[in-house]
Structure formats: C-alpha cells, structure tokens
C-alpha cells in the first residue's frame, strides 16, 4: 500500500515537473488563450448585471446596443462593416468611461490630500511660540574638571664640540 502510494506521488511529481518546464518555456500558450477566452466570456456576460447594480444605465444601454449589433445578421458587407465599426466605437467609449472614472478617483484623492495639507497648515498657524528670557544667574552651570596626564618625551642633550678658527687677517671681522 505504502509503496504504491509512493510511486503515485513520484509520478505526480515528475508530471508536475514536466508541465512546469513546458509552461516556463512558453509551450502553454494554448492554456493562456483558453483561460483568456473563458474570462472574456464571463466578463461579457456579467458586465450588464454589474452596470445595472451600480446604477450606470447609460453604460448598460450602450452595452445592450452593442450586443444587439452583434446579434443581427447582416445581409451585405457594408452592413457588416458598419456593425463592426459601431462595436469598436462602443468598446472605445467603454474604455474612455473607465479612464474617466479612474481620473475622477485620482482627482478626489488629490482633493483629500490638499484638504489635509490645508488643515495641517491651519493647525501650525494657530501654534504661537512665546519668547522665553533665560536668567543666567538662576541656571546653575556645572563644569566638571577633567585632569589629563600627558607623558612628555625625555629630553636628549647632545654635547656640541667647540671649533676654533685662526684666520690670517687684520683683526676681528
């Protein structure tokens, strides 16, 4: 029983190692595509519900028009091209709406930071410093004495020899 279980775990480990190698080498692109398609389908189907729940009726209507454009069958190539163009425009508008929502959030955060800065500046302005006069006679000054012992190098005396010169001349120079 334990031997069989050990072999199963060994086989699972080797399989996991091989799959990890394939994934790291980029050989699992098909898996990424499949997961991306599933996520896109789930996102497309749930966006309308989220739009209604968040109160964004305009976005819901744009999404409904885009779905209606996708569902209608075009009888000619021109109608198909127009439908594709309208779909791209609707997607672009959705992207712009998301960008504008993000910009609005950032502006709100910046406004909060500015309000905090103004509040802090107001608090600093209310603080007043009163000048304090120090009386030197009342403040005891204690200076401890420090004694240092610096060794002095020994003095070496070297006797210099006396040199006498007799110069022939007229006298002292």
N, C-alpha and C. Protein backbone atom coordinates (compact mmCIF):
# COMPACT_ATOMS: atom_id res chain seq x y z
N UNK A 1 0.82 -1.19 0.00
CA UNK A 1 0.00 0.00 0.00
C UNK A 1 0.87 1.25 0.00
N UNK A 2 1.83 1.32 0.91
CA UNK A 2 2.70 2.50 1.01
C UNK A 2 3.60 2.61 -0.22
N UNK A 3 4.03 1.48 -0.75
CA UNK A 3 4.89 1.50 -1.93
C UNK A 3 4.11 2.05 -3.14
N UNK A 4 2.88 1.60 -3.28
CA UNK A 4 2.04 2.09 -4.38
C UNK A 4 1.80 3.58 -4.25
N UNK A 5 1.51 4.02 -3.04
CA UNK A 5 1.28 5.44 -2.79
C UNK A 5 2.53 6.26 -3.10
N UNK A 6 3.69 5.75 -2.74
CA UNK A 6 4.96 6.45 -3.02
C UNK A 6 5.18 6.57 -4.52
N UNK A 7 4.89 5.49 -5.28
CA UNK A 7 5.06 5.54 -6.72
C UNK A 7 4.10 6.54 -7.36
N UNK A 8 2.87 6.61 -6.84
CA UNK A 8 1.90 7.58 -7.36
C UNK A 8 2.39 9.00 -7.13
N UNK A 9 2.90 9.28 -5.93
CA UNK A 9 3.41 10.62 -5.63
C UNK A 9 4.63 10.95 -6.48
N UNK A 10 5.48 9.95 -6.72
CA UNK A 10 6.65 10.17 -7.57
C UNK A 10 6.21 10.49 -9.00
N UNK A 11 5.24 9.75 -9.52
CA UNK A 11 4.74 10.01 -10.88
C UNK A 11 4.10 11.39 -10.96
N UNK A 12 3.35 11.79 -9.92
CA UNK A 12 2.72 13.12 -9.92
C UNK A 12 3.79 14.21 -9.91
N UNK A 13 4.85 13.99 -9.14
CA UNK A 13 5.93 14.98 -9.09
C UNK A 13 6.64 15.11 -10.42
N UNK A 14 6.92 13.99 -11.07
CA UNK A 14 7.59 14.04 -12.38
C UNK A 14 6.68 14.73 -13.41
N UNK A 15 5.38 14.41 -13.38
CA UNK A 15 4.43 15.04 -14.28
C UNK A 15 4.37 16.55 -14.03
N UNK A 16 4.32 16.95 -12.76
CA UNK A 16 4.28 18.38 -12.43
C UNK A 16 5.56 19.07 -12.88
N UNK A 17 6.69 18.42 -12.71
CA UNK A 17 7.97 18.99 -13.14
C UNK A 17 7.99 19.19 -14.65
N UNK A 18 7.51 18.20 -15.39
CA UNK A 18 7.46 18.31 -16.85
C UNK A 18 6.52 19.41 -17.30
N UNK A 19 5.33 19.49 -16.70
CA UNK A 19 4.38 20.55 -17.06
C UNK A 19 4.93 21.92 -16.73
N UNK A 20 5.63 22.04 -15.61
CA UNK A 20 6.23 23.32 -15.25
C UNK A 20 7.29 23.72 -16.27
N UNK A 21 8.08 22.76 -16.72
CA UNK A 21 9.09 23.06 -17.74
C UNK A 21 8.46 23.52 -19.04
N UNK A 22 7.38 22.86 -19.44
CA UNK A 22 6.68 23.27 -20.66
C UNK A 22 6.11 24.68 -20.49
N UNK A 23 5.53 24.94 -19.34
CA UNK A 23 4.94 26.25 -19.08
C UNK A 23 6.01 27.34 -19.08
N UNK A 24 7.14 27.08 -18.44
CA UNK A 24 8.21 28.09 -18.37
C UNK A 24 8.84 28.35 -19.73
N UNK A 25 8.84 27.35 -20.61
CA UNK A 25 9.40 27.53 -21.94
C UNK A 25 8.43 28.20 -22.90
N UNK A 26 7.22 28.50 -22.44
CA UNK A 26 6.24 29.18 -23.30
C UNK A 26 5.43 28.22 -24.13
N UNK A 27 5.45 26.95 -23.83
CA UNK A 27 4.72 25.95 -24.60
C UNK A 27 3.27 25.83 -24.21
N UNK A 28 2.81 26.61 -23.24
CA UNK A 28 1.43 26.51 -22.79
C UNK A 28 0.62 27.73 -23.22
N UNK A 29 0.91 28.26 -24.40
CA UNK A 29 0.17 29.41 -24.89
C UNK A 29 -1.29 29.06 -25.11
N UNK A 30 -1.55 27.83 -25.49
CA UNK A 30 -2.94 27.40 -25.69
C UNK A 30 -3.73 27.49 -24.39
N UNK A 31 -3.07 27.20 -23.27
CA UNK A 31 -3.77 27.29 -21.99
C UNK A 31 -4.11 28.74 -21.68
N UNK A 32 -3.18 29.64 -21.97
CA UNK A 32 -3.44 31.06 -21.74
C UNK A 32 -4.60 31.56 -22.61
N UNK A 33 -4.61 31.11 -23.88
CA UNK A 33 -5.71 31.52 -24.76
C UNK A 33 -7.04 31.00 -24.25
N UNK A 34 -7.07 29.73 -23.81
CA UNK A 34 -8.32 29.14 -23.32
C UNK A 34 -8.82 29.88 -22.08
N UNK A 35 -7.93 30.15 -21.15
CA UNK A 35 -8.33 30.86 -19.94
C UNK A 35 -8.77 32.27 -20.28
N UNK A 36 -8.08 32.92 -21.21
CA UNK A 36 -8.46 34.27 -21.62
C UNK A 36 -9.85 34.30 -22.24
N UNK A 37 -10.16 33.28 -23.06
CA UNK A 37 -11.48 33.23 -23.67
C UNK A 37 -12.57 33.01 -22.63
N UNK A 38 -12.30 32.14 -21.66
CA UNK A 38 -13.29 31.88 -20.61
C UNK A 38 -13.53 33.14 -19.79
N UNK A 39 -12.45 33.83 -19.43
CA UNK A 39 -12.59 35.05 -18.64
C UNK A 39 -13.33 36.12 -19.43
N UNK A 40 -13.05 36.23 -20.74
CA UNK A 40 -13.74 37.22 -21.57
C UNK A 40 -15.23 36.92 -21.66
N UNK A 41 -15.57 35.64 -21.81
CA UNK A 41 -16.99 35.29 -21.87
C UNK A 41 -17.70 35.61 -20.56
N UNK A 42 -17.07 35.27 -19.45
CA UNK A 42 -17.69 35.56 -18.15
C UNK A 42 -17.82 37.06 -17.95
N UNK A 43 -16.79 37.81 -18.34
CA UNK A 43 -16.83 39.26 -18.21
C UNK A 43 -17.90 39.88 -19.07
N UNK A 44 -18.04 39.40 -20.32
CA UNK A 44 -19.08 39.95 -21.21
C UNK A 44 -20.48 39.69 -20.66
N UNK A 45 -20.66 38.54 -20.07
CA UNK A 45 -22.00 38.20 -19.58
C UNK A 45 -22.33 38.87 -18.26
N UNK A 46 -21.32 39.22 -17.48
CA UNK A 46 -21.61 39.80 -16.17
C UNK A 46 -21.51 41.33 -16.16
N UNK A 47 -20.99 41.95 -17.21
CA UNK A 47 -20.84 43.40 -17.22
C UNK A 47 -22.19 44.11 -17.15
N UNK A 48 -23.19 43.59 -17.84
CA UNK A 48 -24.50 44.23 -17.85
C UNK A 48 -25.12 44.21 -16.46
N UNK A 49 -24.98 43.08 -15.76
CA UNK A 49 -25.52 42.98 -14.40
C UNK A 49 -24.81 43.95 -13.47
N UNK A 50 -23.51 44.06 -13.61
CA UNK A 50 -22.76 45.00 -12.78
C UNK A 50 -23.14 46.44 -13.09
N UNK A 51 -23.40 46.74 -14.36
CA UNK A 51 -23.79 48.10 -14.72
C UNK A 51 -25.14 48.45 -14.11
N UNK A 52 -26.09 47.52 -14.15
CA UNK A 52 -27.40 47.79 -13.54
C UNK A 52 -27.28 47.92 -12.03
N UNK A 53 -26.44 47.07 -11.42
CA UNK A 53 -26.30 47.10 -9.96
C UNK A 53 -25.63 48.39 -9.50
N UNK A 54 -24.72 48.94 -10.29
CA UNK A 54 -24.03 50.16 -9.89
C UNK A 54 -24.76 51.42 -10.34
N UNK A 55 -25.90 51.28 -11.02
CA UNK A 55 -26.68 52.45 -11.40
C UNK A 55 -26.19 53.14 -12.65
N UNK A 56 -25.45 52.45 -13.49
CA UNK A 56 -24.93 53.04 -14.72
C UNK A 56 -25.81 52.60 -15.89
N UNK A 57 -26.98 53.19 -16.00
CA UNK A 57 -27.94 52.80 -17.04
C UNK A 57 -27.43 53.17 -18.42
N UNK A 58 -26.70 54.30 -18.55
CA UNK A 58 -26.20 54.69 -19.87
C UNK A 58 -25.22 53.67 -20.42
N UNK A 59 -24.36 53.16 -19.55
CA UNK A 59 -23.40 52.15 -19.98
C UNK A 59 -24.13 50.85 -20.33
N UNK A 60 -25.18 50.53 -19.56
CA UNK A 60 -25.96 49.33 -19.83
C UNK A 60 -26.63 49.43 -21.20
N UNK A 61 -27.15 50.61 -21.53
CA UNK A 61 -27.80 50.78 -22.84
C UNK A 61 -26.78 50.66 -23.97
N UNK A 62 -25.60 51.23 -23.77
CA UNK A 62 -24.56 51.11 -24.80
C UNK A 62 -24.17 49.65 -24.99
N UNK A 63 -24.06 48.93 -23.89
CA UNK A 63 -23.71 47.51 -23.96
C UNK A 63 -24.82 46.73 -24.65
N UNK A 64 -26.08 47.05 -24.35
CA UNK A 64 -27.21 46.36 -24.98
C UNK A 64 -27.24 46.64 -26.47
N UNK A 65 -26.94 47.87 -26.87
CA UNK A 65 -26.89 48.20 -28.30
C UNK A 65 -25.77 47.43 -29.00
N UNK A 66 -24.64 47.29 -28.30
CA UNK A 66 -23.52 46.56 -28.88
C UNK A 66 -23.88 45.09 -29.06
N UNK A 67 -24.57 44.50 -28.09
CA UNK A 67 -24.99 43.09 -28.18
C UNK A 67 -26.01 42.95 -29.30
N UNK A 68 -26.93 43.89 -29.42
CA UNK A 68 -27.93 43.82 -30.48
C UNK A 68 -27.25 43.93 -31.84
N UNK A 69 -26.23 44.75 -31.95
CA UNK A 69 -25.50 44.88 -33.20
C UNK A 69 -24.78 43.58 -33.54
N UNK A 70 -24.25 42.92 -32.53
CA UNK A 70 -23.57 41.65 -32.76
C UNK A 70 -24.55 40.57 -33.20
N UNK A 71 -25.77 40.58 -32.66
CA UNK A 71 -26.72 39.50 -32.91
C UNK A 71 -27.40 39.60 -34.27
N UNK A 72 -27.56 40.80 -34.79
CA UNK A 72 -28.27 40.92 -36.05
C UNK A 72 -27.40 40.41 -37.19
N UNK A 73 -28.01 39.73 -38.09
CA UNK A 73 -27.26 39.18 -39.23
C UNK A 73 -27.28 40.21 -40.35
N UNK A 74 -26.12 40.49 -40.88
CA UNK A 74 -26.01 41.49 -41.93
C UNK A 74 -26.21 40.82 -43.29
N UNK A 75 -26.92 41.52 -44.15
CA UNK A 75 -27.19 40.95 -45.46
C UNK A 75 -26.12 41.32 -46.47
N UNK A 76 -25.36 42.35 -46.18
CA UNK A 76 -24.31 42.73 -47.13
C UNK A 76 -23.04 43.09 -46.37
N UNK A 77 -21.97 43.22 -47.10
CA UNK A 77 -20.67 43.50 -46.49
C UNK A 77 -20.63 44.90 -45.86
N UNK A 78 -21.31 45.84 -46.46
CA UNK A 78 -21.32 47.19 -45.92
C UNK A 78 -21.98 47.22 -44.55
N UNK A 79 -23.09 46.52 -44.40
CA UNK A 79 -23.77 46.47 -43.11
C UNK A 79 -22.90 45.79 -42.06
N UNK A 80 -22.18 44.75 -42.48
CA UNK A 80 -21.26 44.06 -41.55
C UNK A 80 -20.15 45.00 -41.12
N UNK A 81 -19.58 45.75 -42.05
CA UNK A 81 -18.50 46.68 -41.71
C UNK A 81 -19.01 47.78 -40.78
N UNK A 82 -20.22 48.29 -41.04
CA UNK A 82 -20.79 49.32 -40.17
C UNK A 82 -21.03 48.76 -38.78
N UNK A 83 -21.51 47.53 -38.69
CA UNK A 83 -21.75 46.90 -37.39
C UNK A 83 -20.44 46.73 -36.62
N UNK A 84 -19.39 46.32 -37.30
CA UNK A 84 -18.08 46.17 -36.64
C UNK A 84 -17.57 47.53 -36.16
N UNK A 85 -17.75 48.55 -37.00
CA UNK A 85 -17.30 49.88 -36.63
C UNK A 85 -18.06 50.38 -35.40
N UNK A 86 -19.37 50.16 -35.36
CA UNK A 86 -20.16 50.58 -34.21
C UNK A 86 -19.74 49.82 -32.95
N UNK A 87 -19.40 48.55 -33.11
CA UNK A 87 -18.93 47.77 -31.97
C UNK A 87 -17.61 48.34 -31.43
N UNK A 88 -16.71 48.68 -32.34
CA UNK A 88 -15.43 49.26 -31.91
C UNK A 88 -15.63 50.60 -31.21
N UNK A 89 -16.55 51.40 -31.72
CA UNK A 89 -16.84 52.69 -31.08
C UNK A 89 -17.40 52.48 -29.68
N UNK A 90 -18.30 51.50 -29.53
CA UNK A 90 -18.87 51.22 -28.21
C UNK A 90 -17.79 50.75 -27.25
N UNK A 91 -16.87 49.93 -27.73
CA UNK A 91 -15.78 49.47 -26.86
C UNK A 91 -14.88 50.63 -26.45
N UNK A 92 -14.60 51.52 -27.41
CA UNK A 92 -13.76 52.68 -27.11
C UNK A 92 -14.43 53.58 -26.08
N UNK A 93 -15.75 53.78 -26.23
CA UNK A 93 -16.47 54.61 -25.26
C UNK A 93 -16.45 53.98 -23.88
N UNK A 94 -16.56 52.66 -23.83
CA UNK A 94 -16.48 51.97 -22.53
C UNK A 94 -15.11 52.16 -21.90
N UNK A 95 -14.06 52.06 -22.73
CA UNK A 95 -12.71 52.27 -22.22
C UNK A 95 -12.51 53.69 -21.73
N UNK A 96 -13.07 54.66 -22.47
CA UNK A 96 -12.95 56.06 -22.05
C UNK A 96 -13.71 56.29 -20.75
N UNK A 97 -14.85 55.63 -20.59
CA UNK A 97 -15.62 55.79 -19.35
C UNK A 97 -14.82 55.24 -18.17
N UNK A 98 -14.16 54.11 -18.37
CA UNK A 98 -13.33 53.55 -17.29
C UNK A 98 -12.17 54.49 -16.97
N UNK A 99 -11.56 55.07 -18.01
CA UNK A 99 -10.45 56.01 -17.81
C UNK A 99 -10.93 57.25 -17.06
N UNK A 100 -12.10 57.78 -17.43
CA UNK A 100 -12.63 58.96 -16.75
C UNK A 100 -12.97 58.66 -15.30
N UNK A 101 -13.48 57.45 -15.03
CA UNK A 101 -13.77 57.07 -13.65
C UNK A 101 -12.48 57.01 -12.84
N UNK A 102 -11.43 56.47 -13.45
CA UNK A 102 -10.14 56.39 -12.75
C UNK A 102 -9.61 57.80 -12.50
N UNK A 103 -9.74 58.69 -13.49
CA UNK A 103 -9.27 60.07 -13.32
C UNK A 103 -10.06 60.77 -12.21
N UNK A 104 -11.35 60.51 -12.15
CA UNK A 104 -12.17 61.14 -11.10
C UNK A 104 -11.74 60.64 -9.72
N UNK A 105 -11.42 59.35 -9.61
CA UNK A 105 -10.95 58.82 -8.32
C UNK A 105 -9.63 59.48 -7.92
N UNK A 106 -8.73 59.64 -8.88
CA UNK A 106 -7.44 60.27 -8.58
C UNK A 106 -7.62 61.74 -8.20
N UNK A 107 -8.52 62.43 -8.87
CA UNK A 107 -8.78 63.83 -8.51
C UNK A 107 -9.38 63.94 -7.12
N UNK A 108 -10.26 63.02 -6.76
CA UNK A 108 -10.84 63.03 -5.41
C UNK A 108 -9.76 62.78 -4.37
N UNK A 109 -8.86 61.86 -4.66
CA UNK A 109 -7.78 61.58 -3.72
C UNK A 109 -6.87 62.81 -3.59
N UNK A 110 -6.59 63.49 -4.70
CA UNK A 110 -5.77 64.69 -4.65
C UNK A 110 -6.47 65.79 -3.84
N UNK A 111 -7.78 65.92 -3.98
CA UNK A 111 -8.53 66.91 -3.21
C UNK A 111 -8.46 66.60 -1.71
N UNK A 112 -8.54 65.31 -1.37
CA UNK A 112 -8.42 64.93 0.05
C UNK A 112 -7.04 65.28 0.59
N UNK A 113 -5.99 65.03 -0.21
CA UNK A 113 -4.64 65.38 0.23
C UNK A 113 -4.48 66.89 0.41
N UNK A 114 -5.05 67.67 -0.50
CA UNK A 114 -4.98 69.12 -0.38
C UNK A 114 -5.73 69.61 0.86
N UNK A 115 -6.88 69.00 1.17
CA UNK A 115 -7.63 69.38 2.36
C UNK A 115 -6.83 69.06 3.62
N UNK A 116 -6.17 67.92 3.65
CA UNK A 116 -5.33 67.56 4.80
C UNK A 116 -4.17 68.54 4.94
N UNK A 117 -3.57 68.93 3.81
CA UNK A 117 -2.45 69.88 3.88
C UNK A 117 -2.93 71.22 4.42
N UNK A 118 -4.10 71.68 3.97
CA UNK A 118 -4.63 72.96 4.45
C UNK A 118 -4.96 72.88 5.94
N UNK A 119 -5.49 71.74 6.37
CA UNK A 119 -5.82 71.56 7.79
C UNK A 119 -4.55 71.59 8.64
N UNK A 120 -3.50 70.95 8.20
CA UNK A 120 -2.24 70.93 8.94
C UNK A 120 -1.63 72.33 8.98
N UNK A 121 -1.69 73.06 7.85
CA UNK A 121 -1.17 74.43 7.85
C UNK A 121 -1.95 75.33 8.81
N UNK A 122 -3.26 75.13 8.90
CA UNK A 122 -4.07 75.93 9.83
C UNK A 122 -3.70 75.61 11.27
N UNK A 123 -3.44 74.35 11.56
CA UNK A 123 -3.03 73.98 12.92
C UNK A 123 -1.68 74.58 13.26
N UNK A 124 -0.77 74.60 12.31
CA UNK A 124 0.55 75.18 12.56
C UNK A 124 0.44 76.68 12.76
N UNK A 125 -0.46 77.34 12.03
CA UNK A 125 -0.62 78.79 12.17
C UNK A 125 -1.19 79.14 13.54
N UNK A 126 -1.99 78.28 14.14
CA UNK A 126 -2.56 78.56 15.46
C UNK A 126 -1.53 78.43 16.58
N UNK A 127 -0.51 77.67 16.35
CA UNK A 127 0.51 77.48 17.38
C UNK A 127 1.36 78.74 17.44
N UNK A 128 1.45 79.33 18.61
CA UNK A 128 2.26 80.54 18.78
C UNK A 128 3.35 80.24 19.79
N UNK A 129 4.51 80.68 19.48
CA UNK A 129 5.64 80.48 20.38
C UNK A 129 5.86 81.77 21.15
N UNK A 130 5.90 81.67 22.48
CA UNK A 130 6.17 82.86 23.29
C UNK A 130 7.66 82.91 23.59
N UNK A 131 8.24 84.12 23.50
CA UNK A 131 9.68 84.21 23.76
C UNK A 131 9.96 83.99 25.24
N UNK A 132 11.02 83.31 25.52
CA UNK A 132 11.40 82.98 26.89
C UNK A 132 12.74 83.64 27.16
N UNK A 133 12.81 84.38 28.29
CA UNK A 133 14.06 85.01 28.69
C UNK A 133 14.71 84.13 29.75
N UNK A 134 15.91 83.75 29.52
CA UNK A 134 16.64 82.92 30.46
C UNK A 134 17.48 83.81 31.37
N UNK A 135 17.41 83.57 32.66
CA UNK A 135 18.22 84.32 33.61
C UNK A 135 19.45 83.49 33.89
N UNK A 136 20.60 84.02 33.52
CA UNK A 136 21.84 83.27 33.65
C UNK A 136 22.20 83.01 35.11
N UNK A 137 21.76 83.86 36.04
CA UNK A 137 22.10 83.69 37.45
C UNK A 137 21.33 82.51 38.05
N UNK A 138 20.19 82.20 37.52
CA UNK A 138 19.38 81.13 38.10
C UNK A 138 19.72 79.75 37.54
N UNK A 139 20.38 79.73 36.42
CA UNK A 139 20.71 78.44 35.82
C UNK A 139 22.09 78.03 36.32
N UNK A 140 22.16 76.97 37.09
CA UNK A 140 23.48 76.54 37.57
C UNK A 140 24.26 75.90 36.42
N UNK A 141 25.49 76.33 36.32
CA UNK A 141 26.36 75.78 35.29
C UNK A 141 27.41 74.94 36.01
N UNK A 142 27.42 73.71 35.69
CA UNK A 142 28.38 72.81 36.32
C UNK A 142 29.34 72.34 35.24
N UNK A 143 30.59 72.69 35.45
CA UNK A 143 31.62 72.27 34.51
C UNK A 143 32.55 71.31 35.26
N UNK A 144 32.48 70.08 35.00
CA UNK A 144 33.36 69.14 35.70
C UNK A 144 34.80 69.33 35.23
N UNK A 145 35.71 69.13 36.15
CA UNK A 145 37.12 69.26 35.79
C UNK A 145 37.64 67.92 35.33
N UNK A 146 38.38 68.01 34.30
CA UNK A 146 38.97 66.80 33.74
C UNK A 146 40.47 66.98 33.81
N UNK A 147 41.12 66.02 34.40
CA UNK A 147 42.58 66.08 34.51
C UNK A 147 43.19 65.09 33.52
N UNK A 148 44.09 65.62 32.75
CA UNK A 148 44.76 64.78 31.77
C UNK A 148 46.21 64.62 32.16
N UNK A 149 46.72 63.48 31.93
CA UNK A 149 48.13 63.22 32.18
C UNK A 149 48.77 62.92 30.83
N UNK A 150 49.56 63.87 30.35
CA UNK A 150 50.21 63.71 29.06
C UNK A 150 51.68 63.42 29.31
N UNK A 151 52.12 62.29 28.89
CA UNK A 151 53.55 61.98 29.11
C UNK A 151 54.42 62.84 28.19
N UNK A 152 55.52 63.32 28.76
CA UNK A 152 56.43 64.15 27.98
C UNK A 152 57.61 63.28 27.53
N UNK A 153 58.02 63.53 26.31
CA UNK A 153 59.16 62.73 25.83
C UNK A 153 60.44 63.15 26.59
N UNK A 154 61.35 62.25 26.79
CA UNK A 154 62.59 62.59 27.51
C UNK A 154 63.44 63.57 26.69
N UNK A 155 64.08 64.46 27.38
CA UNK A 155 64.93 65.45 26.72
C UNK A 155 66.32 64.83 26.55
N UNK A 156 66.77 64.83 25.31
CA UNK A 156 68.09 64.26 24.99
C UNK A 156 69.05 65.43 24.74
N UNK A 157 70.18 65.46 25.51
CA UNK A 157 71.16 66.53 25.33
C UNK A 157 72.42 65.95 24.69
N UNK A 158 72.73 66.54 23.57
CA UNK A 158 73.92 66.09 22.85
C UNK A 158 74.95 67.22 22.94
N UNK A 159 76.12 66.93 23.50
CA UNK A 159 77.15 67.99 23.59
C UNK A 159 77.71 68.32 22.20
N UNK A 160 77.87 69.59 21.94
CA UNK A 160 78.42 70.02 20.65
C UNK A 160 79.90 70.36 20.85
N UNK A 161 80.76 69.98 19.94
CA UNK A 161 82.20 70.27 20.09
C UNK A 161 82.49 71.75 19.76
N UNK A 162 83.47 72.30 20.39
CA UNK A 162 83.90 73.68 20.15
C UNK A 162 84.94 73.68 19.04
N UNK A 163 84.74 74.59 18.11
CA UNK A 163 85.65 74.68 16.97
C UNK A 163 86.29 76.08 16.99
N UNK A 164 87.65 76.15 16.99
CA UNK A 164 88.38 77.42 16.95
C UNK A 164 89.03 77.57 15.60
N UNK A 165 88.87 78.75 14.99
CA UNK A 165 89.49 79.02 13.70
C UNK A 165 90.45 80.20 13.83
N UNK A 166 91.57 80.03 13.36
CA UNK A 166 92.56 81.12 13.30
C UNK A 166 92.67 81.55 11.87
N UNK A 167 92.19 82.73 11.58
CA UNK A 167 92.25 83.23 10.20
C UNK A 167 93.31 84.32 10.13
N UNK A 168 94.08 84.26 9.13
CA UNK A 168 95.07 85.33 8.99
C UNK A 168 94.38 86.59 8.51
N UNK A 169 94.45 87.61 9.19
CA UNK A 169 93.80 88.82 8.73
C UNK A 169 94.12 89.98 9.62
N UNK A 170 93.48 91.05 9.43
CA UNK A 170 93.77 92.28 10.14
C UNK A 170 93.06 92.39 11.46
N UNK A 171 92.23 91.54 11.76
CA UNK A 171 91.57 91.64 13.04
C UNK A 171 90.19 91.00 13.04
N UNK A 172 89.45 91.37 13.97
CA UNK A 172 88.11 90.74 14.04
C UNK A 172 87.22 91.21 12.89
N UNK A 173 86.44 90.42 12.49
CA UNK A 173 85.56 90.75 11.38
C UNK A 173 84.29 91.34 11.86
